Amino acid sequence: ELLVATHRAARLARNAAEADRAADEARLVALRNELNPHMLFNTFNSLSSLVLAGRNGEARSMLERLAAYMRACLEDGDGALVTVADELELIEAYLAVEAVRFAQAPEVRIDCPDGLSDAGAPRLILQPLVENAMKYAVHPSSGAAVITISAAEEGDRLRLTVQDTGGGDRAAVDGGTGRGVKLVARRLRAMFGDAAEMRAGPFGDGFRVDLILPRVSPALEGAAALR
């Protein structure tokens, strides 16, 4: 019995360490891919234009969004769960920053029932999926695509969905082989094991990714407690 407990403790420690490494990689990938010099140049150029036009309130709001997104990416404890509401707020901050790169901001629909807003989700789990939608659907269609981000119940589990209506070249992500989708799959395995799954593929005229997660509390600090 002691030996079994020892093996279990070692396995939990390995799982927790892997979850931390995956979360760290997600944070670094987000910073490298999104907060790159080109993106920052475009952002600050747009902010300068707003200030020169006397639209200081909009410029201040954009700076606050950029700061919120950067702070969330750099914040310690990325391996911890946050509420779905907090994760969607982070995505809104990311989209607000991305919007300055478009002459016409893409239409984004976010749907989260009140009963699911307090459910737990890994921090930054949606960002790579939304990034893919922006890159492969919105960019090729010049902002004409619609991105839908939603939360729903699936039995006794939580389903998070990122879906777009754009075309674009989906070869890089079709079937879940893109880097961002791979990273999300790796984090899910590290944090939840077989209790979570990801479904990715073409859907209608666009692409859809579903994350199916166990219903857990955001106060849970690591995947080890799920095992």
C-alpha atoms as a PDB file:
ATOM      1  CA  GLU A   1       0.000   0.000   0.000  1.00  0.00           C
ATOM      2  CA  LEU A   2       2.878   2.365   0.793  1.00  0.00           C
ATOM      3  CA  LEU A   3       4.501   1.487  -2.535  1.00  0.00           C
ATOM      4  CA  VAL A   4       1.290   2.236  -4.406  1.00  0.00           C
ATOM      5  CA  ALA A   5       0.979   5.586  -2.653  1.00  0.00           C
ATOM      6  CA  THR A   6       4.597   6.412  -3.485  1.00  0.00           C
ATOM      7  CA  HIS A   7       4.094   5.615  -7.176  1.00  0.00           C
ATOM      8  CA  ARG A   8       0.898   7.664  -7.225  1.00  0.00           C
ATOM      9  CA  ALA A   9       2.654  10.648  -5.651  1.00  0.00           C
ATOM     10  CA  ALA A  10       5.483  10.436  -8.188  1.00  0.00           C
ATOM     11  CA  ARG A  11       3.020  10.244 -11.077  1.00  0.00           C
ATOM     12  CA  LEU A  12       1.089  13.244  -9.797  1.00  0.00           C
ATOM     13  CA  ALA A  13       4.298  15.220  -9.453  1.00  0.00           C
ATOM     14  CA  ARG A  14       5.277  14.388 -13.038  1.00  0.00           C
ATOM     15  CA  ASN A  15       1.831  15.376 -14.321  1.00  0.00           C
ATOM     16  CA  ALA A  16       1.925  18.670 -12.436  1.00  0.00           C
ATOM     17  CA  ALA A  17       5.407  19.440 -13.767  1.00  0.00           C
ATOM     18  CA  GLU A  18       4.318  18.703 -17.334  1.00  0.00           C
ATOM     19  CA  ALA A  19       1.276  20.939 -16.935  1.00  0.00           C
ATOM     20  CA  ASP A  20       3.509  23.755 -15.693  1.00  0.00           C
ATOM     21  CA  ARG A  21       5.893  23.319 -18.637  1.00  0.00           C
ATOM     22  CA  ALA A  22       3.008  23.342 -21.124  1.00  0.00           C
ATOM     23  CA  ALA A  23       1.539  26.452 -19.509  1.00  0.00           C
ATOM     24  CA  ASP A  24       4.906  28.202 -19.659  1.00  0.00           C
ATOM     25  CA  GLU A  25       5.200  27.318 -23.341  1.00  0.00           C
ATOM     26  CA  ALA A  26       1.690  28.669 -23.979  1.00  0.00           C
ATOM     27  CA  ARG A  27       2.651  31.951 -22.344  1.00  0.00           C
ATOM     28  CA  LEU A  28       5.856  32.252 -24.352  1.00  0.00           C
ATOM     29  CA  VAL A  29       4.176  31.279 -27.624  1.00  0.00           C
ATOM     30  CA  ALA A  30       1.483  33.893 -27.004  1.00  0.00           C
ATOM     31  CA  LEU A  31       4.086  36.562 -26.387  1.00  0.00           C
ATOM     32  CA  ARG A  32       6.297  35.565 -29.311  1.00  0.00           C
ATOM     33  CA  ASN A  33       3.491  35.201 -31.848  1.00  0.00           C
ATOM     34  CA  GLU A  34       1.214  38.042 -30.813  1.00  0.00           C
ATOM     35  CA  LEU A  35       3.327  40.649 -29.081  1.00  0.00           C
ATOM     36  CA  ASN A  36       5.992  40.665 -31.776  1.00  0.00           C
ATOM     37  CA  PRO A  37       7.607  43.893 -33.013  1.00  0.00           C
ATOM     38  CA  HIS A  38       5.422  44.048 -36.120  1.00  0.00           C
ATOM     39  CA  MET A  39       2.225  43.666 -34.130  1.00  0.00           C
ATOM     40  CA  LEU A  40       3.390  46.195 -31.541  1.00  0.00           C
ATOM     41  CA  PHE A  41       4.379  48.650 -34.268  1.00  0.00           C
ATOM     42  CA  ASN A  42       0.914  48.438 -35.812  1.00  0.00           C
ATOM     43  CA  THR A  43      -0.725  48.755 -32.413  1.00  0.00           C
ATOM     44  CA  PHE A  44       1.223  51.825 -31.351  1.00  0.00           C
ATOM     45  CA  ASN A  45       0.849  53.374 -34.804  1.00  0.00           C
ATOM     46  CA  SER A  46      -2.916  53.054 -34.452  1.00  0.00           C
ATOM     47  CA  LEU A  47      -2.761  54.456 -30.929  1.00  0.00           C
ATOM     48  CA  SER A  48      -0.762  57.440 -32.210  1.00  0.00           C
ATOM     49  CA  SER A  49      -3.386  58.063 -34.877  1.00  0.00           C
ATOM     50  CA  LEU A  50      -6.146  58.018 -32.268  1.00  0.00           C
ATOM     51  CA  VAL A  51      -4.300  60.531 -30.078  1.00  0.00           C
ATOM     52  CA  LEU A  52      -3.571  62.851 -33.022  1.00  0.00           C
ATOM     53  CA  ALA A  53      -7.244  62.690 -33.962  1.00  0.00           C
ATOM     54  CA  GLY A  54      -8.206  63.701 -30.429  1.00  0.00           C
ATOM     55  CA  ARG A  55      -9.796  60.333 -29.704  1.00  0.00           C
ATOM     56  CA  ASN A  56      -8.003  60.030 -26.385  1.00  0.00           C
ATOM     57  CA  GLY A  57     -10.665  57.933 -24.713  1.00  0.00           C
ATOM     58  CA  GLU A  58     -10.357  55.233 -27.366  1.00  0.00           C
ATOM     59  CA  ALA A  59      -6.573  55.372 -27.171  1.00  0.00           C
ATOM     60  CA  ARG A  60      -6.662  54.994 -23.395  1.00  0.00           C
ATOM     61  CA  SER A  61      -9.044  52.045 -23.676  1.00  0.00           C
ATOM     62  CA  MET A  62      -6.757  50.350 -26.211  1.00  0.00           C
ATOM     63  CA  LEU A  63      -3.704  50.834 -23.992  1.00  0.00           C
ATOM     64  CA  GLU A  64      -5.582  49.338 -21.068  1.00  0.00           C
ATOM     65  CA  ARG A  65      -6.495  46.297 -23.191  1.00  0.00           C
ATOM     66  CA  LEU A  66      -2.913  45.857 -24.348  1.00  0.00           C
ATOM     67  CA  ALA A  67      -1.647  46.133 -20.767  1.00  0.00           C
ATOM     68  CA  ALA A  68      -4.264  43.650 -19.539  1.00  0.00           C
ATOM     69  CA  TYR A  69      -3.296  41.129 -22.186  1.00  0.00           C
ATOM     70  CA  MET A  70       0.438  41.487 -21.566  1.00  0.00           C
ATOM     71  CA  ARG A  71      -0.060  41.254 -17.810  1.00  0.00           C
ATOM     72  CA  ALA A  72      -2.140  38.091 -18.163  1.00  0.00           C
ATOM     73  CA  CYS A  73       0.466  36.495 -20.429  1.00  0.00           C
ATOM     74  CA  LEU A  74       3.292  37.302 -18.021  1.00  0.00           C
ATOM     75  CA  GLU A  75       1.425  36.561 -14.816  1.00  0.00           C
ATOM     76  CA  ASP A  76       2.721  33.682 -12.680  1.00  0.00           C
ATOM     77  CA  GLY A  77       0.598  30.596 -12.202  1.00  0.00           C
ATOM     78  CA  ASP A  78      -0.425  29.970 -15.815  1.00  0.00           C
ATOM     79  CA  GLY A  79      -0.938  26.320 -14.926  1.00  0.00           C
ATOM     80  CA  ALA A  80      -3.790  27.215 -12.586  1.00  0.00           C
ATOM     81  CA  LEU A  81      -7.409  27.166 -13.656  1.00  0.00           C
ATOM     82  CA  VAL A  82      -9.307  30.402 -14.089  1.00  0.00           C
ATOM     83  CA  THR A  83     -13.017  30.927 -14.526  1.00  0.00           C
ATOM     84  CA  VAL A  84     -14.496  30.719 -18.006  1.00  0.00           C
ATOM     85  CA  ALA A  85     -15.539  34.345 -17.565  1.00  0.00           C
ATOM     86  CA  ASP A  86     -11.923  35.350 -16.882  1.00  0.00           C
ATOM     87  CA  GLU A  87     -10.659  33.354 -19.861  1.00  0.00           C
ATOM     88  CA  LEU A  88     -13.203  35.026 -22.147  1.00  0.00           C
ATOM     89  CA  GLU A  89     -12.217  38.424 -20.762  1.00  0.00           C
ATOM     90  CA  LEU A  90      -8.609  37.676 -21.699  1.00  0.00           C
ATOM     91  CA  ILE A  91      -9.719  36.697 -25.209  1.00  0.00           C
ATOM     92  CA  GLU A  92     -11.654  39.944 -25.505  1.00  0.00           C
ATOM     93  CA  ALA A  93      -8.501  41.850 -24.544  1.00  0.00           C
ATOM     94  CA  TYR A  94      -6.514  39.938 -27.166  1.00  0.00           C
ATOM     95  CA  LEU A  95      -9.157  40.607 -29.834  1.00  0.00           C
ATOM     96  CA  ALA A  96      -9.268  44.289 -28.931  1.00  0.00           C
ATOM     97  CA  VAL A  97      -5.538  44.495 -29.570  1.00  0.00           C
ATOM     98  CA  GLU A  98      -5.774  42.457 -32.789  1.00  0.00           C
ATOM     99  CA  ALA A  99      -8.581  44.643 -34.088  1.00  0.00           C
ATOM    100  CA  VAL A 100      -6.192  47.535 -34.687  1.00  0.00           C
ATOM    101  CA  ARG A 101      -4.571  45.441 -37.421  1.00  0.00           C
ATOM    102  CA  PHE A 102      -7.767  45.417 -39.491  1.00  0.00           C
ATOM    103  CA  ALA A 103      -9.345  48.240 -41.452  1.00  0.00           C
ATOM    104  CA  GLN A 104     -12.610  46.535 -40.538  1.00  0.00           C
ATOM    105  CA  ALA A 105     -12.640  44.552 -37.312  1.00  0.00           C
ATOM    106  CA  PRO A 106     -13.967  41.000 -37.698  1.00  0.00           C
ATOM    107  CA  GLU A 107     -17.292  40.122 -36.146  1.00  0.00           C
ATOM    108  CA  VAL A 108     -16.790  38.125 -32.958  1.00  0.00           C
ATOM    109  CA  ARG A 109     -19.636  36.503 -31.050  1.00  0.00           C
ATOM    110  CA  ILE A 110     -19.095  35.302 -27.492  1.00  0.00           C
ATOM    111  CA  ASP A 111     -21.723  33.161 -25.813  1.00  0.00           C
ATOM    112  CA  CYS A 112     -21.392  31.946 -22.230  1.00  0.00           C
ATOM    113  CA  PRO A 113     -24.460  31.015 -20.161  1.00  0.00           C
ATOM    114  CA  ASP A 114     -24.480  32.475 -16.653  1.00  0.00           C
ATOM    115  CA  GLY A 115     -24.362  28.995 -15.170  1.00  0.00           C
ATOM    116  CA  LEU A 116     -20.992  28.266 -16.789  1.00  0.00           C
ATOM    117  CA  SER A 117     -19.184  31.558 -16.201  1.00  0.00           C
ATOM    118  CA  ASP A 118     -17.703  30.281 -12.926  1.00  0.00           C
ATOM    119  CA  ALA A 119     -16.559  26.914 -14.318  1.00  0.00           C
ATOM    120  CA  GLY A 120     -12.818  26.272 -14.438  1.00  0.00           C
ATOM    121  CA  ALA A 121     -10.691  26.468 -17.592  1.00  0.00           C
ATOM    122  CA  PRO A 122      -6.905  26.502 -18.108  1.00  0.00           C
ATOM    123  CA  ARG A 123      -5.556  30.013 -18.547  1.00  0.00           C
ATOM    124  CA  LEU A 124      -4.825  30.936 -22.203  1.00  0.00           C
ATOM    125  CA  ILE A 125      -6.310  27.665 -23.491  1.00  0.00           C
ATOM    126  CA  LEU A 126      -8.444  29.502 -26.062  1.00  0.00           C
ATOM    127  CA  GLN A 127      -5.870  32.010 -27.316  1.00  0.00           C
ATOM    128  CA  PRO A 128      -4.071  29.686 -29.780  1.00  0.00           C
ATOM    129  CA  LEU A 129      -7.434  28.613 -31.222  1.00  0.00           C
ATOM    130  CA  VAL A 130      -8.636  32.180 -31.688  1.00  0.00           C
ATOM    131  CA  GLU A 131      -5.246  33.032 -33.182  1.00  0.00           C
ATOM    132  CA  ASN A 132      -5.723  30.250 -35.748  1.00  0.00           C
ATOM    133  CA  ALA A 133      -9.156  31.589 -36.633  1.00  0.00           C
ATOM    134  CA  MET A 134      -7.717  35.076 -37.117  1.00  0.00           C
ATOM    135  CA  LYS A 135      -4.808  33.795 -39.201  1.00  0.00           C
ATOM    136  CA  TYR A 136      -6.510  31.239 -41.424  1.00  0.00           C
ATOM    137  CA  ALA A 137     -10.031  32.593 -41.708  1.00  0.00           C
ATOM    138  CA  VAL A 138     -10.272  36.294 -40.947  1.00  0.00           C
ATOM    139  CA  HIS A 139      -7.021  37.426 -42.567  1.00  0.00           C
ATOM    140  CA  PRO A 140      -7.640  35.717 -45.948  1.00  0.00           C
ATOM    141  CA  SER A 141     -11.215  37.024 -46.064  1.00  0.00           C
ATOM    142  CA  SER A 142     -10.228  40.599 -45.110  1.00  0.00           C
ATOM    143  CA  GLY A 143     -12.271  40.547 -41.939  1.00  0.00           C
ATOM    144  CA  ALA A 144     -15.441  39.167 -43.515  1.00  0.00           C
ATOM    145  CA  ALA A 145     -15.499  35.987 -41.436  1.00  0.00           C
ATOM    146  CA  VAL A 146     -17.368  35.585 -38.173  1.00  0.00           C
ATOM    147  CA  ILE A 147     -15.647  34.031 -35.149  1.00  0.00           C
ATOM    148  CA  THR A 148     -17.858  32.446 -32.495  1.00  0.00           C
ATOM    149  CA  ILE A 149     -16.467  31.591 -29.066  1.00  0.00           C
ATOM    150  CA  SER A 150     -18.867  29.747 -26.810  1.00  0.00           C
ATOM    151  CA  ALA A 151     -19.257  27.683 -23.671  1.00  0.00           C
ATOM    152  CA  ALA A 152     -21.892  24.981 -23.242  1.00  0.00           C
ATOM    153  CA  GLU A 153     -22.696  21.898 -21.236  1.00  0.00           C
ATOM    154  CA  GLU A 154     -22.031  18.495 -22.745  1.00  0.00           C
ATOM    155  CA  GLY A 155     -23.462  15.969 -20.355  1.00  0.00           C
ATOM    156  CA  ASP A 156     -21.665  16.560 -17.080  1.00  0.00           C
ATOM    157  CA  ARG A 157     -18.714  18.205 -18.810  1.00  0.00           C
ATOM    158  CA  LEU A 158     -17.861  21.668 -20.144  1.00  0.00           C
ATOM    159  CA  ARG A 159     -17.499  22.331 -23.870  1.00  0.00           C
ATOM    160  CA  LEU A 160     -15.531  25.347 -25.098  1.00  0.00           C
ATOM    161  CA  THR A 161     -15.834  26.047 -28.821  1.00  0.00           C
ATOM    162  CA  VAL A 162     -13.984  28.304 -31.254  1.00  0.00           C
ATOM    163  CA  GLN A 163     -15.642  28.349 -34.666  1.00  0.00           C
ATOM    164  CA  ASP A 164     -15.227  30.519 -37.750  1.00  0.00           C
ATOM    165  CA  THR A 165     -17.046  30.934 -41.033  1.00  0.00           C
ATOM    166  CA  GLY A 166     -13.992  31.880 -43.110  1.00  0.00           C
ATOM    167  CA  GLY A 167     -12.286  29.858 -45.777  1.00  0.00           C
ATOM    168  CA  GLY A 168      -8.539  30.344 -45.881  1.00  0.00           C
ATOM    169  CA  ASP A 169      -5.823  27.723 -46.146  1.00  0.00           C
ATOM    170  CA  ARG A 170      -6.669  25.231 -43.430  1.00  0.00           C
ATOM    171  CA  ALA A 171      -4.012  22.669 -44.382  1.00  0.00           C
ATOM    172  CA  ALA A 172      -1.848  23.745 -41.466  1.00  0.00           C
ATOM    173  CA  VAL A 173      -4.544  23.088 -38.883  1.00  0.00           C
ATOM    174  CA  ASP A 174      -6.838  20.563 -40.563  1.00  0.00           C
ATOM    175  CA  GLY A 175      -7.268  17.584 -38.289  1.00  0.00           C
ATOM    176  CA  GLY A 176      -5.575  19.332 -35.402  1.00  0.00           C
ATOM    177  CA  THR A 177      -2.018  19.234 -36.717  1.00  0.00           C
ATOM    178  CA  GLY A 178      -1.182  22.937 -36.381  1.00  0.00           C
ATOM    179  CA  ARG A 179       1.247  24.068 -33.700  1.00  0.00           C
ATOM    180  CA  GLY A 180      -1.357  26.023 -31.761  1.00  0.00           C
ATOM    181  CA  VAL A 181      -3.834  23.157 -31.813  1.00  0.00           C
ATOM    182  CA  LYS A 182      -1.103  20.700 -30.847  1.00  0.00           C
ATOM    183  CA  LEU A 183      -0.188  22.889 -27.901  1.00  0.00           C
ATOM    184  CA  VAL A 184      -3.793  22.994 -26.719  1.00  0.00           C
ATOM    185  CA  ALA A 185      -4.056  19.197 -27.008  1.00  0.00           C
ATOM    186  CA  ARG A 186      -0.844  18.775 -25.035  1.00  0.00           C
ATOM    187  CA  ARG A 187      -2.056  21.033 -22.252  1.00  0.00           C
ATOM    188  CA  LEU A 188      -5.356  19.187 -22.017  1.00  0.00           C
ATOM    189  CA  ARG A 189      -3.570  15.831 -21.737  1.00  0.00           C
ATOM    190  CA  ALA A 190      -1.190  17.180 -19.111  1.00  0.00           C
ATOM    191  CA  MET A 191      -3.912  18.731 -16.988  1.00  0.00           C
ATOM    192  CA  PHE A 192      -6.823  16.324 -17.367  1.00  0.00           C
ATOM    193  CA  GLY A 193      -5.545  13.110 -18.963  1.00  0.00           C
ATOM    194  CA  ASP A 194      -8.343  11.036 -20.498  1.00  0.00           C
ATOM    195  CA  ALA A 195     -10.977  13.171 -18.770  1.00  0.00           C
ATOM    196  CA  ALA A 196     -10.684  15.792 -21.565  1.00  0.00           C
ATOM    197  CA  GLU A 197     -10.738  15.655 -25.349  1.00  0.00           C
ATOM    198  CA  MET A 198     -10.379  17.942 -28.335  1.00  0.00           C
ATOM    199  CA  ARG A 199     -12.269  17.746 -31.637  1.00  0.00           C
ATOM    200  CA  ALA A 200     -11.012  19.818 -34.566  1.00  0.00           C
ATOM    201  CA  GLY A 201     -11.973  19.917 -38.215  1.00  0.00           C
ATOM    202  CA  PRO A 202     -13.882  21.644 -41.017  1.00  0.00           C
ATOM    203  CA  PHE A 203     -17.378  22.792 -40.138  1.00  0.00           C
ATOM    204  CA  GLY A 204     -19.655  24.234 -42.796  1.00  0.00           C
ATOM    205  CA  ASP A 205     -17.726  26.906 -44.664  1.00  0.00           C
ATOM    206  CA  GLY A 206     -15.161  27.266 -41.905  1.00  0.00           C
ATOM    207  CA  PHE A 207     -13.407  25.441 -39.102  1.00  0.00           C
ATOM    208  CA  ARG A 208     -14.383  24.420 -35.575  1.00  0.00           C
ATOM    209  CA  VAL A 209     -12.513  23.272 -32.487  1.00  0.00           C
ATOM    210  CA  ASP A 210     -14.305  21.858 -29.440  1.00  0.00           C
ATOM    211  CA  LEU A 211     -12.585  21.391 -26.091  1.00  0.00           C
ATOM    212  CA  ILE A 212     -14.435  18.980 -23.800  1.00  0.00           C
ATOM    213  CA  LEU A 213     -13.340  19.418 -20.187  1.00  0.00           C
ATOM    214  CA  PRO A 214     -14.403  18.009 -16.844  1.00  0.00           C
ATOM    215  CA  ARG A 215     -16.414  20.426 -14.697  1.00  0.00           C
ATOM    216  CA  VAL A 216     -13.924  21.528 -12.065  1.00  0.00           C
ATOM    217  CA  SER A 217     -13.483  24.450  -9.716  1.00  0.00           C
ATOM    218  CA  PRO A 218     -11.173  27.298 -10.801  1.00  0.00           C
ATOM    219  CA  ALA A 219      -9.754  27.201  -7.276  1.00  0.00           C
ATOM    220  CA  LEU A 220      -8.072  23.905  -8.200  1.00  0.00           C
ATOM    221  CA  GLU A 221      -4.351  24.663  -8.466  1.00  0.00           C
ATOM    222  CA  GLY A 222      -3.142  21.747 -10.530  1.00  0.00           C
ATOM    223  CA  ALA A 223      -4.080  18.741 -12.568  1.00  0.00           C
ATOM    224  CA  ALA A 224      -2.809  16.392  -9.875  1.00  0.00           C
ATOM    225  CA  ALA A 225      -6.012  16.766  -7.892  1.00  0.00           C
ATOM    226  CA  LEU A 226      -7.985  15.443 -10.849  1.00  0.00           C
ATOM    227  CA  ARG A 227      -6.186  12.109 -10.981  1.00  0.00           C
END
